[in-house]
Amino acid sequence: MSAVSDRLPTFPWDKLEPYKKTAAAHPDGIVDLSVGTPVDPVPELIQKALIDAADSPGYPTVWGTPALRDAITGWLERRLGAREVTHRHVLPIVGSKELVAWLPTQLGLGPGDKVAYPRLAYPTYEVGARLARADYEVYDDPTELDPEGLKLLWLNSPSNPTGKVLSKAELTRIVAWAREHGVLLFSDECYLELGWEADPVSVLHPDVNGGSYDGIVAVHSLSKRSNLAGYRAAFLAGDPAVLGPLLEIRKHGGMMTSAPTQAAVVAALGDDEHVQAQRERYAARREALREALVKHGFRIEHSEASLYLWATRDESCWDTVAHLAELGILVAPGDFYGEAGKTYVRVAFTATDERVRAAVERL
């Protein structure tokens, strides 16, 4: 019997290990800009909420507390402009990566069913299709896909890795196309609050969906906007006809967010000040790195949102990775995200101010 792991590609980050060793040998230490992991402190009000809920001996529910669902629906209306969102329109998840990886399986997809995602994309979209034994394909414009057998369409705006943002008009057109062809649309919007040269819009906005959530679900995470990657805190919002069955499946699977984390999310979604403070930190790091990369001979494309700069010197991404590793800087090769990224690197600006200054000086 073939192991499930045989269906999966080689874990891409393992390929970076030799370059990581080179960068780590720099006299002033490594500047790791490869993985977009938060490094700044978890805001105190969120830590306090977690601590106050630490005495939680009972099992949490998969659907979350009413307070958590209220916090999510309130944030969706306040921040995304969504309308008439009820508890039936939301579902907490244990970080967004597990959802992306297991969604095709939980939707009952399998051989003969197709999953589509952007040509340059987070690798876990493909992993999810492989785990379900479903077919998968990439696109430049999803409305040019053959809808026959297409059961799940992933959008990702702002994009990881490119930072590209789909306009309101583009989103409206894609939602209409998916509905016309009966294709379930999931929109990964985990970087939505990190727009720099664009103001990202959600598929949950009434201007995009016409006031209906039929056939659409948005994925949101607190990892980036609130420094909660270590908490595994995220949620879905959208069509109750999709979320209801997912809730039942996830109950059977025990996919529940811990009770202290649920309390922390309530605090995080109720406060906008810490998000703005974190945005300002990232904006300063982004500007410093962008200027240094351009002066060093890079061209930056897209990157109007998210936590990354999509950079190229028009050479093999691995040559660029090697060049920067000699300077003690580690970045992600673009081909991790698809063949179309083979001449690009993804540069995260999630390092500390001190490490970003070090990278700028070396560049």
Protein backbone atom coordinates (compact mmCIF):
# COMPACT_ATOMS: atom_id res chain seq x y z
CA MET A 1 0.00 0.00 0.00
CA SER A 2 1.41 3.37 -1.01
CA ALA A 3 2.04 5.74 1.85
CA VAL A 4 0.16 9.05 1.83
CA SER A 5 3.51 10.82 1.86
CA ASP A 6 4.27 9.33 -1.56
CA ARG A 7 1.59 11.63 -3.03
CA LEU A 8 3.42 14.72 -1.87
CA PRO A 9 6.25 16.72 -3.44
CA THR A 10 9.59 17.11 -1.72
CA PHE A 11 9.21 19.59 1.13
CA PRO A 12 10.67 22.67 -0.59
CA TRP A 13 12.28 24.33 2.42
CA ASP A 14 14.65 21.38 2.85
CA LYS A 15 16.39 22.51 -0.36
CA LEU A 16 17.41 25.77 1.33
CA GLU A 17 19.50 24.14 4.08
CA PRO A 18 22.91 24.45 2.34
CA TYR A 19 22.28 28.15 1.65
CA LYS A 20 21.12 28.66 5.22
CA LYS A 21 24.45 27.26 6.44
CA THR A 22 26.32 29.64 4.14
CA ALA A 23 24.32 32.64 5.37
CA ALA A 24 24.74 31.59 9.00
CA ALA A 25 28.52 31.65 8.57
CA HIS A 26 28.49 35.42 8.01
CA PRO A 27 30.54 37.16 10.75
CA ASP A 28 27.54 39.24 11.78
CA GLY A 29 25.13 36.31 11.62
CA ILE A 30 22.29 35.36 9.32
CA VAL A 31 19.48 37.68 8.25
CA ASP A 32 16.68 35.23 7.55
CA LEU A 33 14.17 36.78 5.13
CA SER A 34 13.02 33.43 3.74
CA VAL A 35 10.01 32.49 5.86
CA GLY A 36 7.44 35.17 6.62
CA THR A 37 7.14 34.35 10.29
CA PRO A 38 6.28 37.15 12.74
CA VAL A 39 9.08 38.19 15.12
CA ASP A 40 7.47 41.09 17.00
CA PRO A 41 5.78 40.59 20.38
CA VAL A 42 2.21 39.42 20.68
CA PRO A 43 0.25 42.53 21.79
CA GLU A 44 -0.26 42.63 25.56
CA LEU A 45 -4.07 42.75 25.42
CA ILE A 46 -4.02 39.47 23.46
CA GLN A 47 -1.55 37.84 25.85
CA LYS A 48 -3.73 38.91 28.78
CA ALA A 49 -6.84 37.40 27.20
CA LEU A 50 -4.98 34.13 26.64
CA ILE A 51 -3.72 34.05 30.24
CA ASP A 52 -7.12 34.91 31.69
CA ALA A 53 -8.58 31.92 29.81
CA ALA A 54 -5.77 29.53 30.79
CA ASP A 55 -7.98 27.70 33.31
CA SER A 56 -9.99 25.90 30.59
CA PRO A 57 -10.17 22.24 31.58
CA GLY A 58 -13.10 21.29 29.35
CA TYR A 59 -13.14 20.56 25.64
CA PRO A 60 -13.65 23.60 23.41
CA THR A 61 -16.22 23.45 20.65
CA VAL A 62 -15.27 23.33 16.98
CA TRP A 63 -17.69 26.17 16.19
CA GLY A 64 -16.19 28.31 18.94
CA THR A 65 -17.83 30.30 21.70
CA PRO A 66 -20.66 32.72 20.91
CA ALA A 67 -18.26 35.52 21.91
CA LEU A 68 -15.77 34.33 19.28
CA ARG A 69 -18.43 34.17 16.58
CA ASP A 70 -19.64 37.64 17.57
CA ALA A 71 -16.06 38.95 17.31
CA ILE A 72 -15.62 37.43 13.85
CA THR A 73 -18.93 38.70 12.47
CA GLY A 74 -18.29 42.15 13.94
CA TRP A 75 -14.84 42.34 12.36
CA LEU A 76 -16.14 41.18 8.98
CA GLU A 77 -18.71 43.98 8.94
CA ARG A 78 -16.40 46.65 10.37
CA ARG A 79 -13.26 45.87 8.43
CA LEU A 80 -14.40 44.16 5.22
CA GLY A 81 -17.73 45.86 4.66
CA ALA A 82 -19.61 42.55 4.74
CA ARG A 83 -23.34 42.77 5.40
CA GLU A 84 -25.83 40.60 7.27
CA VAL A 85 -23.24 38.15 8.54
CA THR A 86 -24.59 35.69 11.11
CA HIS A 87 -22.98 32.93 13.16
CA ARG A 88 -23.92 30.50 10.39
CA HIS A 89 -21.61 32.41 8.05
CA VAL A 90 -18.43 31.81 10.11
CA LEU A 91 -16.26 28.89 11.19
CA PRO A 92 -13.05 29.02 13.30
CA ILE A 93 -10.13 26.93 12.01
CA VAL A 94 -6.82 25.81 13.50
CA GLY A 95 -4.65 28.15 11.49
CA SER A 96 -5.23 28.56 7.77
CA LYS A 97 -2.63 26.07 6.53
CA GLU A 98 -4.47 23.02 7.85
CA LEU A 99 -7.61 24.22 6.11
CA VAL A 100 -5.84 24.71 2.78
CA ALA A 101 -4.21 21.28 3.02
CA TRP A 102 -7.32 19.34 4.03
CA LEU A 103 -10.14 21.27 2.36
CA PRO A 104 -10.33 19.14 -0.82
CA THR A 105 -10.51 16.01 1.33
CA GLN A 106 -13.17 17.51 3.60
CA LEU A 107 -15.17 18.55 0.54
CA GLY A 108 -15.14 14.94 -0.63
CA LEU A 109 -13.08 15.61 -3.75
CA GLY A 110 -11.12 12.81 -5.38
CA PRO A 111 -9.90 11.41 -8.69
CA GLY A 112 -11.50 13.18 -11.64
CA ASP A 113 -12.26 16.31 -9.65
CA LYS A 114 -10.15 19.39 -10.37
CA VAL A 115 -8.69 21.99 -8.03
CA ALA A 116 -7.32 25.21 -9.59
CA TYR A 117 -5.02 27.82 -8.08
CA PRO A 118 -2.81 30.69 -9.34
CA ARG A 119 0.25 29.90 -11.47
CA LEU A 120 2.41 31.45 -8.76
CA ALA A 121 1.03 30.27 -5.44
CA TYR A 122 1.46 28.96 -1.93
CA PRO A 123 2.52 25.28 -2.40
CA THR A 124 -0.13 23.95 -0.02
CA TYR A 125 -2.92 24.44 -2.60
CA GLU A 126 -1.29 21.69 -4.64
CA VAL A 127 -0.64 19.61 -1.54
CA GLY A 128 -4.34 19.71 -0.65
CA ALA A 129 -5.31 18.40 -4.07
CA ARG A 130 -2.68 15.66 -3.90
CA LEU A 131 -3.85 14.51 -0.45
CA ALA A 132 -7.37 14.09 -1.86
CA ARG A 133 -6.04 12.39 -5.03
CA ALA A 134 -7.78 15.13 -7.01
CA ASP A 135 -6.45 16.64 -10.22
CA TYR A 136 -5.01 20.14 -10.11
CA GLU A 137 -4.09 22.91 -12.53
CA VAL A 138 -2.77 26.45 -12.46
CA TYR A 139 -4.16 29.56 -14.10
CA ASP A 140 -3.32 33.12 -15.05
CA ASP A 141 -7.00 34.10 -15.39
CA PRO A 142 -9.42 31.66 -13.75
CA THR A 143 -12.23 32.58 -16.14
CA GLU A 144 -10.19 30.97 -18.94
CA LEU A 145 -10.26 27.58 -17.18
CA ASP A 146 -12.38 24.72 -18.49
CA PRO A 147 -15.09 24.51 -15.83
CA GLU A 148 -15.81 20.83 -16.59
CA GLY A 149 -14.95 18.88 -13.45
CA LEU A 150 -13.63 21.98 -11.69
CA LYS A 151 -14.87 21.63 -8.11
CA LEU A 152 -12.68 24.08 -6.19
CA LEU A 153 -11.21 27.40 -7.33
CA TRP A 154 -8.64 29.09 -5.12
CA LEU A 155 -8.09 32.84 -5.27
CA ASN A 156 -5.26 34.48 -3.34
CA SER A 157 -5.39 38.25 -3.06
CA PRO A 158 -3.09 39.73 -1.83
CA SER A 159 -0.90 37.03 -3.32
CA ASN A 160 1.74 34.96 -1.63
CA PRO A 161 4.41 35.19 -3.05
CA THR A 162 3.99 38.14 -5.42
CA GLY A 163 1.94 40.61 -3.37
CA LYS A 164 -0.39 41.11 -6.35
CA VAL A 165 -3.86 42.43 -5.51
CA LEU A 166 -6.98 41.65 -7.52
CA SER A 167 -9.14 44.71 -8.11
CA LYS A 168 -12.78 44.90 -7.12
CA ALA A 169 -13.74 44.63 -10.81
CA GLU A 170 -11.60 41.51 -11.29
CA LEU A 171 -13.04 39.87 -8.19
CA THR A 172 -16.59 40.68 -9.28
CA ARG A 173 -15.96 39.15 -12.70
CA ILE A 174 -14.42 35.98 -11.26
CA VAL A 175 -17.19 35.49 -8.68
CA ALA A 176 -19.81 35.83 -11.41
CA TRP A 177 -17.96 33.30 -13.61
CA ALA A 178 -17.64 30.78 -10.77
CA ARG A 179 -21.33 31.04 -9.97
CA GLU A 180 -22.32 30.73 -13.61
CA HIS A 181 -20.42 27.44 -13.84
CA GLY A 182 -21.25 26.07 -10.38
CA VAL A 183 -17.65 26.24 -9.17
CA LEU A 184 -17.00 26.62 -5.44
CA LEU A 185 -14.73 29.61 -4.85
CA PHE A 186 -12.43 29.89 -1.83
CA SER A 187 -10.58 33.20 -1.49
CA ASP A 188 -7.40 33.15 0.61
CA GLU A 189 -7.30 36.68 2.06
CA CYS A 190 -4.79 36.19 4.88
CA TYR A 191 -2.78 39.30 3.90
CA LEU A 192 -5.78 41.56 3.30
CA GLU A 193 -4.90 44.03 6.07
CA LEU A 194 -1.39 44.49 4.69
CA GLY A 195 -1.96 46.60 1.60
CA TRP A 196 0.77 49.14 0.77
CA GLU A 197 0.18 50.45 -2.73
CA ALA A 198 -3.34 49.03 -3.04
CA ASP A 199 -6.38 48.66 -0.81
CA PRO A 200 -7.30 44.95 -1.01
CA VAL A 201 -10.98 44.05 -1.22
CA SER A 202 -12.65 40.87 0.05
CA VAL A 203 -14.99 38.64 -1.95
CA LEU A 204 -17.33 39.17 1.01
CA HIS A 205 -17.86 42.82 0.04
CA PRO A 206 -21.36 43.38 -1.40
CA ASP A 207 -19.94 45.25 -4.39
CA VAL A 208 -18.17 42.01 -5.32
CA ASN A 209 -20.77 39.39 -4.47
CA GLY A 210 -23.96 41.33 -5.09
CA GLY A 211 -25.07 40.92 -1.49
CA SER A 212 -25.05 37.10 -1.62
CA TYR A 213 -22.53 34.66 -0.17
CA ASP A 214 -23.69 31.78 -2.34
CA GLY A 215 -20.77 29.67 -3.54
CA ILE A 216 -18.03 31.78 -1.94
CA VAL A 217 -15.92 31.45 1.21
CA ALA A 218 -13.10 33.71 2.43
CA VAL A 219 -10.15 32.48 4.51
CA HIS A 220 -8.67 34.81 7.13
CA SER A 221 -5.81 34.46 9.57
CA LEU A 222 -4.53 36.34 12.61
CA SER A 223 -0.95 35.11 12.13
CA LYS A 224 0.24 38.16 10.20
CA ARG A 225 -1.99 41.04 11.31
CA SER A 226 -1.71 40.22 15.05
CA ASN A 227 1.58 38.25 15.30
CA LEU A 228 -0.36 35.12 16.24
CA ALA A 229 1.33 32.50 14.04
CA GLY A 230 2.17 30.57 17.20
CA TYR A 231 -1.48 30.56 18.33
CA ARG A 232 -2.87 28.87 15.16
CA ALA A 233 -5.84 31.20 14.89
CA ALA A 234 -7.88 31.67 11.72
CA PHE A 235 -11.43 31.45 10.43
CA LEU A 236 -13.67 31.00 7.40
CA ALA A 237 -16.54 33.25 6.39
CA GLY A 238 -19.10 32.86 3.65
CA ASP A 239 -21.72 30.44 2.35
CA PRO A 240 -23.51 28.62 5.21
CA ALA A 241 -24.33 25.77 2.81
CA VAL A 242 -20.58 25.10 2.61
CA LEU A 243 -19.61 25.91 6.18
CA GLY A 244 -22.39 23.83 7.77
CA PRO A 245 -21.16 20.48 6.39
CA LEU A 246 -17.55 21.49 7.05
CA LEU A 247 -18.48 22.14 10.68
CA GLU A 248 -19.96 18.64 11.01
CA ILE A 249 -16.90 17.02 9.42
CA ARG A 250 -14.54 18.99 11.62
CA LYS A 251 -16.54 18.00 14.72
CA HIS A 252 -15.93 14.36 13.88
CA GLY A 253 -12.27 15.08 13.26
CA GLY A 254 -11.80 17.03 16.50
CA MET A 255 -10.45 20.07 14.64
CA MET A 256 -11.01 22.57 17.42
CA THR A 257 -9.23 25.78 18.34
CA SER A 258 -8.05 25.75 21.96
CA ALA A 259 -10.23 27.66 24.44
CA PRO A 260 -7.45 30.13 25.44
CA THR A 261 -6.76 30.83 21.76
CA GLN A 262 -10.44 31.50 21.15
CA ALA A 263 -10.41 34.08 23.94
CA ALA A 264 -7.26 35.65 22.49
CA VAL A 265 -8.89 35.95 19.07
CA VAL A 266 -11.85 37.79 20.60
CA ALA A 267 -9.44 40.35 22.02
CA ALA A 268 -7.42 40.58 18.79
CA LEU A 269 -10.40 41.14 16.50
CA GLY A 270 -11.84 43.75 18.84
CA ASP A 271 -8.79 46.00 18.67
CA ASP A 272 -7.52 47.83 15.58
CA GLU A 273 -4.72 49.86 17.22
CA HIS A 274 -2.24 46.99 17.47
CA VAL A 275 -2.82 46.19 13.79
CA GLN A 276 -1.98 49.74 12.78
CA ALA A 277 1.13 49.74 14.98
CA GLN A 278 2.32 46.51 13.37
CA ARG A 279 1.58 47.87 9.88
CA GLU A 280 3.82 50.84 10.61
CA ARG A 281 6.68 48.54 11.62
CA TYR A 282 6.31 46.52 8.45
CA ALA A 283 5.99 49.61 6.27
CA ALA A 284 9.33 50.96 7.51
CA ARG A 285 11.09 47.61 7.01
CA ARG A 286 9.55 47.23 3.57
CA GLU A 287 10.70 50.64 2.41
CA ALA A 288 14.25 50.12 3.69
CA LEU A 289 14.63 46.72 2.06
CA ARG A 290 12.99 47.79 -1.18
CA GLU A 291 15.35 50.75 -1.60
CA ALA A 292 18.40 48.62 -0.79
CA LEU A 293 17.40 45.83 -3.20
CA VAL A 294 16.80 48.25 -6.06
CA LYS A 295 20.17 49.93 -5.48
CA HIS A 296 21.76 46.47 -5.46
CA GLY A 297 20.43 45.77 -8.95
CA PHE A 298 17.08 44.12 -8.29
CA ARG A 299 13.77 44.88 -9.94
CA ILE A 300 10.69 44.66 -7.71
CA GLU A 301 7.46 43.48 -9.34
CA HIS A 302 3.93 43.63 -7.88
CA SER A 303 4.53 43.63 -4.09
CA GLU A 304 1.71 46.16 -3.59
CA ALA A 305 0.55 44.20 -0.54
CA SER A 306 1.50 41.29 1.78
CA LEU A 307 4.74 40.80 3.74
CA TYR A 308 7.08 40.15 0.82
CA LEU A 309 9.00 41.79 -1.97
CA TRP A 310 8.96 39.84 -5.26
CA ALA A 311 12.41 40.58 -6.63
CA THR A 312 14.49 39.57 -9.64
CA ARG A 313 17.91 40.07 -11.23
CA ASP A 314 16.77 38.18 -14.35
CA GLU A 315 18.82 35.12 -13.48
CA SER A 316 18.12 31.69 -11.97
CA CYS A 317 16.48 32.13 -8.59
CA TRP A 318 19.03 29.74 -7.11
CA ASP A 319 21.90 31.92 -8.36
CA THR A 320 20.25 34.84 -6.59
CA VAL A 321 19.75 32.77 -3.43
CA ALA A 322 23.43 31.80 -3.50
CA HIS A 323 24.55 35.39 -4.07
CA LEU A 324 22.53 36.72 -1.14
CA ALA A 325 23.59 33.81 1.09
CA GLU A 326 27.20 34.92 0.64
CA LEU A 327 26.08 38.25 2.13
CA GLY A 328 24.50 36.39 5.04
CA ILE A 329 20.95 36.99 3.75
CA LEU A 330 18.57 34.06 3.22
CA VAL A 331 15.58 34.44 0.87
CA ALA A 332 13.07 32.05 -0.69
CA PRO A 333 13.64 30.94 -4.31
CA GLY A 334 10.73 31.81 -6.58
CA ASP A 335 10.38 28.30 -7.99
CA PHE A 336 9.05 27.17 -4.61
CA TYR A 337 5.83 28.84 -5.80
CA GLY A 338 5.74 27.52 -9.37
CA GLU A 339 7.84 27.28 -12.51
CA ALA A 340 6.91 30.87 -13.39
CA GLY A 341 8.95 32.05 -10.42
CA LYS A 342 12.25 30.55 -11.57
CA THR A 343 13.97 33.93 -11.98
CA TYR A 344 12.56 35.58 -8.84
CA VAL A 345 13.11 35.46 -5.11
CA ARG A 346 10.67 36.23 -2.33
CA VAL A 347 12.09 38.55 0.30
CA ALA A 348 10.16 38.71 3.57
CA PHE A 349 10.31 41.85 5.67
CA THR A 350 9.32 40.10 8.89
CA ALA A 351 12.77 40.28 10.48
CA THR A 352 13.51 42.58 13.40
CA ASP A 353 14.49 46.21 12.79
CA GLU A 354 18.08 45.34 13.73
CA ARG A 355 18.29 42.44 11.24
CA VAL A 356 16.67 44.51 8.49
CA ARG A 357 19.28 47.25 9.08
CA ALA A 358 21.99 44.59 8.81
CA ALA A 359 20.57 43.37 5.49
CA VAL A 360 20.40 46.93 4.15
CA GLU A 361 24.03 47.58 5.10
CA ARG A 362 25.20 44.37 3.42
CA LEU A 363 23.26 45.11 0.25
